[in-house]
Amino acid sequence: MEGKKERELAQLVIHASVFYRRRFDRIVAAASEGDLVTGRNMWVLRYLRAHEGEDVFQKDLETAFKVRRSTISRTVELMEQKGLLLREPVNGDARLKRLRLTPKAGRVLDAVSQNLGRAEQTVRDTFSPEEYASLMRLLERLCAVLEGAEPDQGKE
């Protein structure tokens, strides 16, 4: 690029991620009316709602979000303290705990979902449908490459 220093891919990806997370967290905080619900909490709540009626365990969240067991364990523990989810024992294995949304979580999800939908649409509207489809394809490919390039020893 003439006159401008070309930015590195990592820098752009990190900046986009930070800006997106900040916006997401502001929307969640505003819509959750002081319930101290974080962006990560919302991903968990949305996942549980999408899988309502199914048995969902912490291991499922680790896999879905590609995070370490300790990360999701702490997140679930704090969400339980906030009254957003319940851990229920499963018949036959006392160690296994099924995760369920509480009514409070349902109310928070409904409030936040409306605002997130508008924010997502604002981002989409900055791209043509073709550009947005290309962006999504490229980001999915980038994730696949980076995920495959990581050593087997761990996740985020």
N, C-alpha and C. Protein backbone atom coordinates (compact mmCIF):
# COMPACT_ATOMS: atom_id res chain seq x y z
N MET A 1 0.85 -1.18 0.00
CA MET A 1 0.00 0.00 0.00
C MET A 1 0.89 1.23 0.00
N GLU A 2 0.61 2.15 -0.88
CA GLU A 2 1.41 3.35 -0.97
C GLU A 2 1.00 4.36 0.09
N GLY A 3 1.99 4.96 0.76
CA GLY A 3 1.71 5.98 1.75
C GLY A 3 1.22 5.45 3.09
N LYS A 4 0.82 4.24 3.15
CA LYS A 4 0.32 3.63 4.38
C LYS A 4 1.09 2.35 4.63
N LYS A 5 1.45 2.18 5.87
CA LYS A 5 2.12 0.92 6.21
C LYS A 5 1.05 -0.17 6.23
N GLU A 6 1.32 -1.26 5.55
CA GLU A 6 0.37 -2.37 5.52
C GLU A 6 0.29 -3.01 6.90
N ARG A 7 -0.92 -3.18 7.39
CA ARG A 7 -1.11 -3.77 8.71
C ARG A 7 -1.01 -5.28 8.63
N GLU A 8 -0.55 -5.85 9.72
CA GLU A 8 -0.41 -7.30 9.77
C GLU A 8 -1.77 -7.94 10.03
N LEU A 9 -1.93 -9.14 9.51
CA LEU A 9 -3.17 -9.89 9.68
C LEU A 9 -3.52 -10.04 11.16
N ALA A 10 -2.55 -10.46 11.96
CA ALA A 10 -2.81 -10.67 13.39
C ALA A 10 -3.34 -9.40 14.05
N GLN A 11 -2.75 -8.27 13.71
CA GLN A 11 -3.17 -7.00 14.29
C GLN A 11 -4.62 -6.69 13.92
N LEU A 12 -4.99 -6.88 12.67
CA LEU A 12 -6.36 -6.63 12.23
C LEU A 12 -7.36 -7.57 12.90
N VAL A 13 -7.02 -8.83 12.98
CA VAL A 13 -7.91 -9.81 13.59
C VAL A 13 -8.10 -9.48 15.07
N ILE A 14 -7.03 -9.17 15.76
CA ILE A 14 -7.12 -8.83 17.19
C ILE A 14 -7.93 -7.56 17.38
N HIS A 15 -7.67 -6.53 16.58
CA HIS A 15 -8.44 -5.29 16.71
C HIS A 15 -9.92 -5.52 16.46
N ALA A 16 -10.24 -6.24 15.40
CA ALA A 16 -11.65 -6.52 15.11
C ALA A 16 -12.30 -7.28 16.26
N SER A 17 -11.59 -8.25 16.80
CA SER A 17 -12.12 -9.03 17.91
C SER A 17 -12.35 -8.17 19.15
N VAL A 18 -11.39 -7.32 19.45
CA VAL A 18 -11.52 -6.45 20.63
C VAL A 18 -12.70 -5.49 20.47
N PHE A 19 -12.80 -4.86 19.30
CA PHE A 19 -13.90 -3.91 19.08
C PHE A 19 -15.25 -4.61 19.12
N TYR A 20 -15.30 -5.80 18.51
CA TYR A 20 -16.56 -6.54 18.49
C TYR A 20 -16.95 -6.95 19.91
N ARG A 21 -16.00 -7.46 20.67
CA ARG A 21 -16.28 -7.88 22.04
C ARG A 21 -16.72 -6.70 22.91
N ARG A 22 -16.06 -5.56 22.76
CA ARG A 22 -16.46 -4.37 23.53
C ARG A 22 -17.90 -3.97 23.22
N ARG A 23 -18.23 -3.97 21.94
CA ARG A 23 -19.59 -3.60 21.54
C ARG A 23 -20.59 -4.62 22.09
N PHE A 24 -20.28 -5.88 21.95
CA PHE A 24 -21.12 -6.97 22.44
C PHE A 24 -21.31 -6.83 23.95
N ASP A 25 -20.22 -6.60 24.69
CA ASP A 25 -20.30 -6.47 26.15
C ASP A 25 -21.14 -5.26 26.58
N ARG A 26 -21.00 -4.14 25.84
CA ARG A 26 -21.82 -2.95 26.16
C ARG A 26 -23.31 -3.23 25.97
N ILE A 27 -23.64 -3.91 24.88
CA ILE A 27 -25.04 -4.25 24.60
C ILE A 27 -25.58 -5.18 25.67
N VAL A 28 -24.80 -6.19 26.03
CA VAL A 28 -25.22 -7.15 27.05
C VAL A 28 -25.41 -6.45 28.38
N ALA A 29 -24.45 -5.60 28.76
CA ALA A 29 -24.54 -4.90 30.05
C ALA A 29 -25.77 -4.00 30.10
N ALA A 30 -26.04 -3.28 29.03
CA ALA A 30 -27.18 -2.37 29.00
C ALA A 30 -28.50 -3.14 29.06
N ALA A 31 -28.59 -4.24 28.35
CA ALA A 31 -29.85 -4.98 28.27
C ALA A 31 -30.09 -5.88 29.47
N SER A 32 -29.02 -6.23 30.20
CA SER A 32 -29.21 -7.15 31.32
C SER A 32 -29.50 -6.43 32.63
N GLU A 33 -29.65 -5.14 32.56
CA GLU A 33 -30.11 -4.33 33.68
C GLU A 33 -29.38 -4.62 34.99
N GLY A 34 -28.07 -4.52 34.95
CA GLY A 34 -27.30 -4.65 36.18
C GLY A 34 -27.12 -6.06 36.69
N ASP A 35 -27.44 -7.07 35.90
CA ASP A 35 -27.28 -8.45 36.35
C ASP A 35 -25.85 -8.94 36.21
N LEU A 36 -24.93 -8.07 35.79
CA LEU A 36 -23.52 -8.43 35.62
C LEU A 36 -23.34 -9.63 34.71
N VAL A 37 -24.07 -9.63 33.64
CA VAL A 37 -23.96 -10.69 32.64
C VAL A 37 -22.88 -10.28 31.65
N THR A 38 -21.90 -11.14 31.44
CA THR A 38 -20.81 -10.85 30.52
C THR A 38 -21.10 -11.39 29.13
N GLY A 39 -20.28 -10.99 28.19
CA GLY A 39 -20.41 -11.51 26.84
C GLY A 39 -20.26 -13.02 26.79
N ARG A 40 -19.29 -13.55 27.55
CA ARG A 40 -19.10 -15.00 27.59
C ARG A 40 -20.34 -15.68 28.18
N ASN A 41 -20.94 -15.07 29.20
CA ASN A 41 -22.18 -15.61 29.77
C ASN A 41 -23.25 -15.72 28.70
N MET A 42 -23.33 -14.69 27.85
CA MET A 42 -24.35 -14.70 26.81
C MET A 42 -24.12 -15.82 25.81
N TRP A 43 -22.87 -16.09 25.46
CA TRP A 43 -22.61 -17.19 24.54
C TRP A 43 -23.10 -18.51 25.14
N VAL A 44 -22.85 -18.68 26.43
CA VAL A 44 -23.30 -19.90 27.12
C VAL A 44 -24.83 -19.95 27.15
N LEU A 45 -25.46 -18.85 27.51
CA LEU A 45 -26.92 -18.82 27.57
C LEU A 45 -27.54 -19.11 26.20
N ARG A 46 -26.98 -18.49 25.17
CA ARG A 46 -27.50 -18.72 23.82
C ARG A 46 -27.32 -20.17 23.40
N TYR A 47 -26.20 -20.76 23.76
CA TYR A 47 -25.95 -22.17 23.43
C TYR A 47 -26.98 -23.05 24.14
N LEU A 48 -27.20 -22.78 25.43
CA LEU A 48 -28.16 -23.60 26.19
C LEU A 48 -29.58 -23.45 25.64
N ARG A 49 -29.94 -22.24 25.24
CA ARG A 49 -31.27 -22.06 24.66
C ARG A 49 -31.39 -22.80 23.33
N ALA A 50 -30.36 -22.75 22.53
CA ALA A 50 -30.38 -23.44 21.23
C ALA A 50 -30.46 -24.95 21.40
N HIS A 51 -30.04 -25.45 22.57
CA HIS A 51 -30.04 -26.89 22.82
C HIS A 51 -31.02 -27.28 23.93
N GLU A 52 -32.03 -26.44 24.13
CA GLU A 52 -33.05 -26.75 25.14
C GLU A 52 -33.70 -28.09 24.82
N GLY A 53 -33.97 -28.86 25.85
CA GLY A 53 -34.55 -30.18 25.66
C GLY A 53 -33.50 -31.27 25.49
N GLU A 54 -32.26 -30.86 25.30
CA GLU A 54 -31.15 -31.82 25.18
C GLU A 54 -30.36 -31.79 26.49
N ASP A 55 -29.64 -32.86 26.75
CA ASP A 55 -28.72 -32.86 27.88
C ASP A 55 -27.45 -32.14 27.47
N VAL A 56 -27.14 -31.04 28.15
CA VAL A 56 -25.93 -30.27 27.87
C VAL A 56 -25.08 -30.29 29.13
N PHE A 57 -23.80 -30.59 28.95
CA PHE A 57 -22.85 -30.67 30.06
C PHE A 57 -21.71 -29.70 29.82
N GLN A 58 -20.91 -29.45 30.86
CA GLN A 58 -19.78 -28.55 30.72
C GLN A 58 -18.86 -28.96 29.58
N LYS A 59 -18.67 -30.24 29.40
CA LYS A 59 -17.80 -30.74 28.33
C LYS A 59 -18.30 -30.27 26.96
N ASP A 60 -19.63 -30.20 26.79
CA ASP A 60 -20.20 -29.72 25.54
C ASP A 60 -19.82 -28.26 25.29
N LEU A 61 -19.81 -27.47 26.36
CA LEU A 61 -19.44 -26.06 26.24
C LEU A 61 -17.96 -25.92 25.92
N GLU A 62 -17.13 -26.73 26.55
CA GLU A 62 -15.69 -26.71 26.26
C GLU A 62 -15.46 -26.94 24.76
N THR A 63 -16.14 -27.93 24.24
CA THR A 63 -16.00 -28.28 22.83
C THR A 63 -16.55 -27.19 21.92
N ALA A 64 -17.74 -26.70 22.24
CA ALA A 64 -18.40 -25.70 21.39
C ALA A 64 -17.61 -24.40 21.33
N PHE A 65 -17.04 -23.99 22.46
CA PHE A 65 -16.36 -22.70 22.52
C PHE A 65 -14.85 -22.80 22.46
N LYS A 66 -14.35 -24.04 22.37
CA LYS A 66 -12.92 -24.29 22.24
C LYS A 66 -12.12 -23.60 23.34
N VAL A 67 -12.54 -23.85 24.57
CA VAL A 67 -11.86 -23.31 25.74
C VAL A 67 -11.48 -24.44 26.69
N ARG A 68 -10.60 -24.13 27.60
CA ARG A 68 -10.16 -25.14 28.57
C ARG A 68 -11.24 -25.44 29.58
N ARG A 69 -11.11 -26.60 30.21
CA ARG A 69 -12.07 -27.04 31.23
C ARG A 69 -12.13 -26.03 32.38
N SER A 70 -10.98 -25.53 32.82
CA SER A 70 -10.96 -24.59 33.94
C SER A 70 -11.70 -23.30 33.62
N THR A 71 -11.60 -22.86 32.37
CA THR A 71 -12.29 -21.63 31.95
C THR A 71 -13.80 -21.81 32.02
N ILE A 72 -14.29 -22.88 31.45
CA ILE A 72 -15.74 -23.09 31.41
C ILE A 72 -16.27 -23.46 32.79
N SER A 73 -15.47 -24.14 33.58
CA SER A 73 -15.88 -24.50 34.93
C SER A 73 -16.11 -23.24 35.76
N ARG A 74 -15.19 -22.31 35.68
CA ARG A 74 -15.33 -21.06 36.44
C ARG A 74 -16.51 -20.24 35.92
N THR A 75 -16.67 -20.20 34.61
CA THR A 75 -17.80 -19.47 34.02
C THR A 75 -19.13 -20.03 34.49
N VAL A 76 -19.27 -21.35 34.46
CA VAL A 76 -20.51 -22.00 34.88
C VAL A 76 -20.76 -21.76 36.37
N GLU A 77 -19.71 -21.86 37.16
CA GLU A 77 -19.84 -21.63 38.60
C GLU A 77 -20.36 -20.22 38.89
N LEU A 78 -19.79 -19.22 38.23
CA LEU A 78 -20.23 -17.83 38.43
C LEU A 78 -21.65 -17.61 37.92
N MET A 79 -21.98 -18.24 36.80
CA MET A 79 -23.33 -18.10 36.26
C MET A 79 -24.36 -18.74 37.18
N GLU A 80 -23.99 -19.81 37.82
CA GLU A 80 -24.87 -20.45 38.79
C GLU A 80 -25.08 -19.52 39.99
N GLN A 81 -24.02 -18.87 40.44
CA GLN A 81 -24.12 -17.92 41.55
C GLN A 81 -25.00 -16.72 41.19
N LYS A 82 -24.99 -16.31 39.93
CA LYS A 82 -25.80 -15.19 39.46
C LYS A 82 -27.26 -15.59 39.25
N GLY A 83 -27.55 -16.88 39.36
CA GLY A 83 -28.91 -17.35 39.15
C GLY A 83 -29.30 -17.50 37.70
N LEU A 84 -28.31 -17.69 36.82
CA LEU A 84 -28.58 -17.80 35.39
C LEU A 84 -28.71 -19.24 34.91
N LEU A 85 -28.11 -20.17 35.64
CA LEU A 85 -28.25 -21.57 35.25
C LEU A 85 -28.21 -22.47 36.46
N LEU A 86 -28.67 -23.68 36.24
CA LEU A 86 -28.69 -24.70 37.27
C LEU A 86 -27.85 -25.88 36.81
N ARG A 87 -27.17 -26.51 37.75
CA ARG A 87 -26.46 -27.77 37.47
C ARG A 87 -27.25 -28.86 38.18
N GLU A 88 -27.77 -29.80 37.40
CA GLU A 88 -28.58 -30.88 37.95
C GLU A 88 -27.86 -32.21 37.81
N PRO A 89 -27.87 -33.03 38.85
CA PRO A 89 -27.24 -34.35 38.73
C PRO A 89 -28.00 -35.23 37.74
N VAL A 90 -27.26 -36.12 37.12
CA VAL A 90 -27.84 -37.04 36.14
C VAL A 90 -27.96 -38.40 36.81
N ASN A 91 -29.08 -39.07 36.59
CA ASN A 91 -29.27 -40.41 37.15
C ASN A 91 -28.14 -41.33 36.71
N GLY A 92 -27.59 -42.05 37.66
CA GLY A 92 -26.57 -43.03 37.35
C GLY A 92 -25.14 -42.53 37.45
N ASP A 93 -24.93 -41.19 37.50
CA ASP A 93 -23.58 -40.66 37.62
C ASP A 93 -23.62 -39.33 38.36
N ALA A 94 -23.32 -39.37 39.63
CA ALA A 94 -23.40 -38.18 40.48
C ALA A 94 -22.40 -37.11 40.06
N ARG A 95 -21.32 -37.51 39.38
CA ARG A 95 -20.31 -36.53 38.95
C ARG A 95 -20.79 -35.68 37.79
N LEU A 96 -21.68 -36.23 36.97
CA LEU A 96 -22.16 -35.56 35.77
C LEU A 96 -23.30 -34.60 36.13
N LYS A 97 -23.17 -33.35 35.70
CA LYS A 97 -24.20 -32.34 35.98
C LYS A 97 -24.73 -31.77 34.67
N ARG A 98 -26.04 -31.88 34.48
CA ARG A 98 -26.72 -31.32 33.32
C ARG A 98 -26.90 -29.82 33.57
N LEU A 99 -26.73 -29.00 32.54
CA LEU A 99 -26.89 -27.55 32.66
C LEU A 99 -28.25 -27.14 32.13
N ARG A 100 -28.93 -26.28 32.90
CA ARG A 100 -30.26 -25.79 32.51
C ARG A 100 -30.36 -24.30 32.75
N LEU A 101 -31.10 -23.62 31.89
CA LEU A 101 -31.37 -22.20 32.07
C LEU A 101 -32.38 -21.98 33.18
N THR A 102 -32.25 -20.86 33.88
CA THR A 102 -33.26 -20.46 34.86
C THR A 102 -34.23 -19.49 34.18
N PRO A 103 -35.38 -19.22 34.80
CA PRO A 103 -36.29 -18.22 34.25
C PRO A 103 -35.61 -16.84 34.12
N LYS A 104 -34.76 -16.50 35.08
CA LYS A 104 -34.03 -15.23 35.01
C LYS A 104 -33.17 -15.19 33.75
N ALA A 105 -32.51 -16.28 33.43
CA ALA A 105 -31.68 -16.35 32.22
C ALA A 105 -32.54 -16.14 30.98
N GLY A 106 -33.72 -16.70 30.97
CA GLY A 106 -34.63 -16.52 29.84
C GLY A 106 -34.99 -15.06 29.63
N ARG A 107 -35.24 -14.34 30.73
CA ARG A 107 -35.58 -12.91 30.63
C ARG A 107 -34.40 -12.11 30.10
N VAL A 108 -33.22 -12.41 30.61
CA VAL A 108 -32.01 -11.71 30.16
C VAL A 108 -31.77 -11.99 28.67
N LEU A 109 -31.89 -13.24 28.28
CA LEU A 109 -31.69 -13.61 26.88
C LEU A 109 -32.64 -12.87 25.96
N ASP A 110 -33.89 -12.78 26.34
CA ASP A 110 -34.88 -12.09 25.50
C ASP A 110 -34.52 -10.62 25.33
N ALA A 111 -34.14 -9.96 26.43
CA ALA A 111 -33.81 -8.54 26.38
C ALA A 111 -32.56 -8.29 25.54
N VAL A 112 -31.56 -9.10 25.74
CA VAL A 112 -30.29 -8.91 25.03
C VAL A 112 -30.42 -9.27 23.56
N SER A 113 -31.16 -10.31 23.24
CA SER A 113 -31.28 -10.78 21.86
C SER A 113 -31.82 -9.70 20.93
N GLN A 114 -32.78 -8.91 21.39
CA GLN A 114 -33.32 -7.84 20.56
C GLN A 114 -32.23 -6.83 20.21
N ASN A 115 -31.47 -6.40 21.20
CA ASN A 115 -30.42 -5.41 20.97
C ASN A 115 -29.27 -5.96 20.13
N LEU A 116 -28.92 -7.21 20.37
CA LEU A 116 -27.85 -7.83 19.58
C LEU A 116 -28.24 -7.96 18.12
N GLY A 117 -29.49 -8.30 17.89
CA GLY A 117 -29.98 -8.42 16.51
C GLY A 117 -29.82 -7.12 15.75
N ARG A 118 -30.15 -6.01 16.41
CA ARG A 118 -29.99 -4.70 15.76
C ARG A 118 -28.52 -4.38 15.50
N ALA A 119 -27.66 -4.70 16.47
CA ALA A 119 -26.22 -4.43 16.30
C ALA A 119 -25.64 -5.28 15.18
N GLU A 120 -26.03 -6.54 15.11
CA GLU A 120 -25.55 -7.42 14.03
C GLU A 120 -25.99 -6.88 12.68
N GLN A 121 -27.22 -6.40 12.61
CA GLN A 121 -27.73 -5.88 11.34
C GLN A 121 -26.96 -4.64 10.92
N THR A 122 -26.58 -3.81 11.87
CA THR A 122 -25.79 -2.62 11.56
C THR A 122 -24.46 -3.02 10.92
N VAL A 123 -23.83 -4.04 11.47
CA VAL A 123 -22.57 -4.53 10.90
C VAL A 123 -22.82 -5.10 9.51
N ARG A 124 -23.84 -5.92 9.36
CA ARG A 124 -24.15 -6.53 8.06
C ARG A 124 -24.43 -5.47 7.00
N ASP A 125 -25.11 -4.39 7.42
CA ASP A 125 -25.50 -3.36 6.46
C ASP A 125 -24.31 -2.58 5.89
N THR A 126 -23.14 -2.70 6.52
CA THR A 126 -21.96 -2.02 5.98
C THR A 126 -21.35 -2.80 4.82
N PHE A 127 -21.81 -4.01 4.59
CA PHE A 127 -21.30 -4.86 3.51
C PHE A 127 -22.43 -5.19 2.54
N SER A 128 -22.06 -5.40 1.29
CA SER A 128 -23.04 -5.94 0.35
C SER A 128 -23.25 -7.40 0.74
N PRO A 129 -24.34 -8.03 0.29
CA PRO A 129 -24.55 -9.45 0.61
C PRO A 129 -23.38 -10.32 0.16
N GLU A 130 -22.80 -10.00 -0.99
CA GLU A 130 -21.67 -10.77 -1.49
C GLU A 130 -20.44 -10.58 -0.60
N GLU A 131 -20.18 -9.33 -0.19
CA GLU A 131 -19.04 -9.06 0.68
C GLU A 131 -19.20 -9.76 2.02
N TYR A 132 -20.41 -9.71 2.54
CA TYR A 132 -20.65 -10.35 3.85
C TYR A 132 -20.45 -11.86 3.75
N ALA A 133 -20.96 -12.47 2.69
CA ALA A 133 -20.78 -13.91 2.50
C ALA A 133 -19.29 -14.25 2.36
N SER A 134 -18.55 -13.43 1.63
CA SER A 134 -17.11 -13.64 1.49
C SER A 134 -16.40 -13.48 2.83
N LEU A 135 -16.76 -12.45 3.57
CA LEU A 135 -16.16 -12.22 4.89
C LEU A 135 -16.37 -13.44 5.78
N MET A 136 -17.58 -13.95 5.82
CA MET A 136 -17.88 -15.11 6.66
C MET A 136 -17.08 -16.34 6.21
N ARG A 137 -17.02 -16.57 4.91
CA ARG A 137 -16.24 -17.70 4.39
C ARG A 137 -14.77 -17.57 4.77
N LEU A 138 -14.22 -16.37 4.61
CA LEU A 138 -12.81 -16.16 4.91
C LEU A 138 -12.53 -16.30 6.40
N LEU A 139 -13.41 -15.78 7.24
CA LEU A 139 -13.21 -15.92 8.68
C LEU A 139 -13.31 -17.38 9.11
N GLU A 140 -14.25 -18.12 8.54
CA GLU A 140 -14.36 -19.55 8.86
C GLU A 140 -13.10 -20.29 8.44
N ARG A 141 -12.57 -19.94 7.28
CA ARG A 141 -11.34 -20.57 6.79
C ARG A 141 -10.16 -20.21 7.68
N LEU A 142 -10.07 -18.95 8.08
CA LEU A 142 -9.01 -18.51 8.98
C LEU A 142 -9.08 -19.27 10.31
N CYS A 143 -10.27 -19.40 10.87
CA CYS A 143 -10.43 -20.15 12.11
C CYS A 143 -9.99 -21.60 11.95
N ALA A 144 -10.37 -22.20 10.84
CA ALA A 144 -10.00 -23.61 10.60
C ALA A 144 -8.48 -23.75 10.49
N VAL A 145 -7.84 -22.83 9.79
CA VAL A 145 -6.39 -22.89 9.64
C VAL A 145 -5.71 -22.70 11.00
N LEU A 146 -6.15 -21.70 11.75
CA LEU A 146 -5.53 -21.43 13.04
C LEU A 146 -5.79 -22.54 14.05
N GLU A 147 -6.97 -23.09 14.02
CA GLU A 147 -7.29 -24.19 14.93
C GLU A 147 -6.44 -25.41 14.61
N GLY A 148 -6.27 -25.69 13.36
CA GLY A 148 -5.47 -26.83 12.94
C GLY A 148 -3.99 -26.63 13.17
N ALA A 149 -3.55 -25.38 13.27
CA ALA A 149 -2.13 -25.08 13.44
C ALA A 149 -1.69 -25.12 14.89
N GLU A 150 -2.65 -25.17 15.81
CA GLU A 150 -2.30 -25.15 17.23
C GLU A 150 -1.77 -26.50 17.67
N PRO A 151 -0.82 -26.47 18.63
CA PRO A 151 -0.35 -27.73 19.20
C PRO A 151 -1.50 -28.43 19.90
N ASP A 152 -1.43 -29.73 19.98
CA ASP A 152 -2.49 -30.54 20.58
C ASP A 152 -2.64 -30.33 22.08
N GLN A 153 -1.71 -29.67 22.73
CA GLN A 153 -1.70 -29.61 24.18
C GLN A 153 -2.82 -28.80 24.81
N GLY A 154 -3.48 -27.92 24.12
CA GLY A 154 -4.53 -27.20 24.81
C GLY A 154 -5.28 -26.23 23.94
N LYS A 155 -6.22 -25.64 24.59
CA LYS A 155 -7.08 -24.65 23.95
C LYS A 155 -6.90 -23.36 24.71
N GLU A 156 -7.65 -22.34 24.30
CA GLU A 156 -7.59 -21.03 24.95
C GLU A 156 -7.69 -21.08 26.43
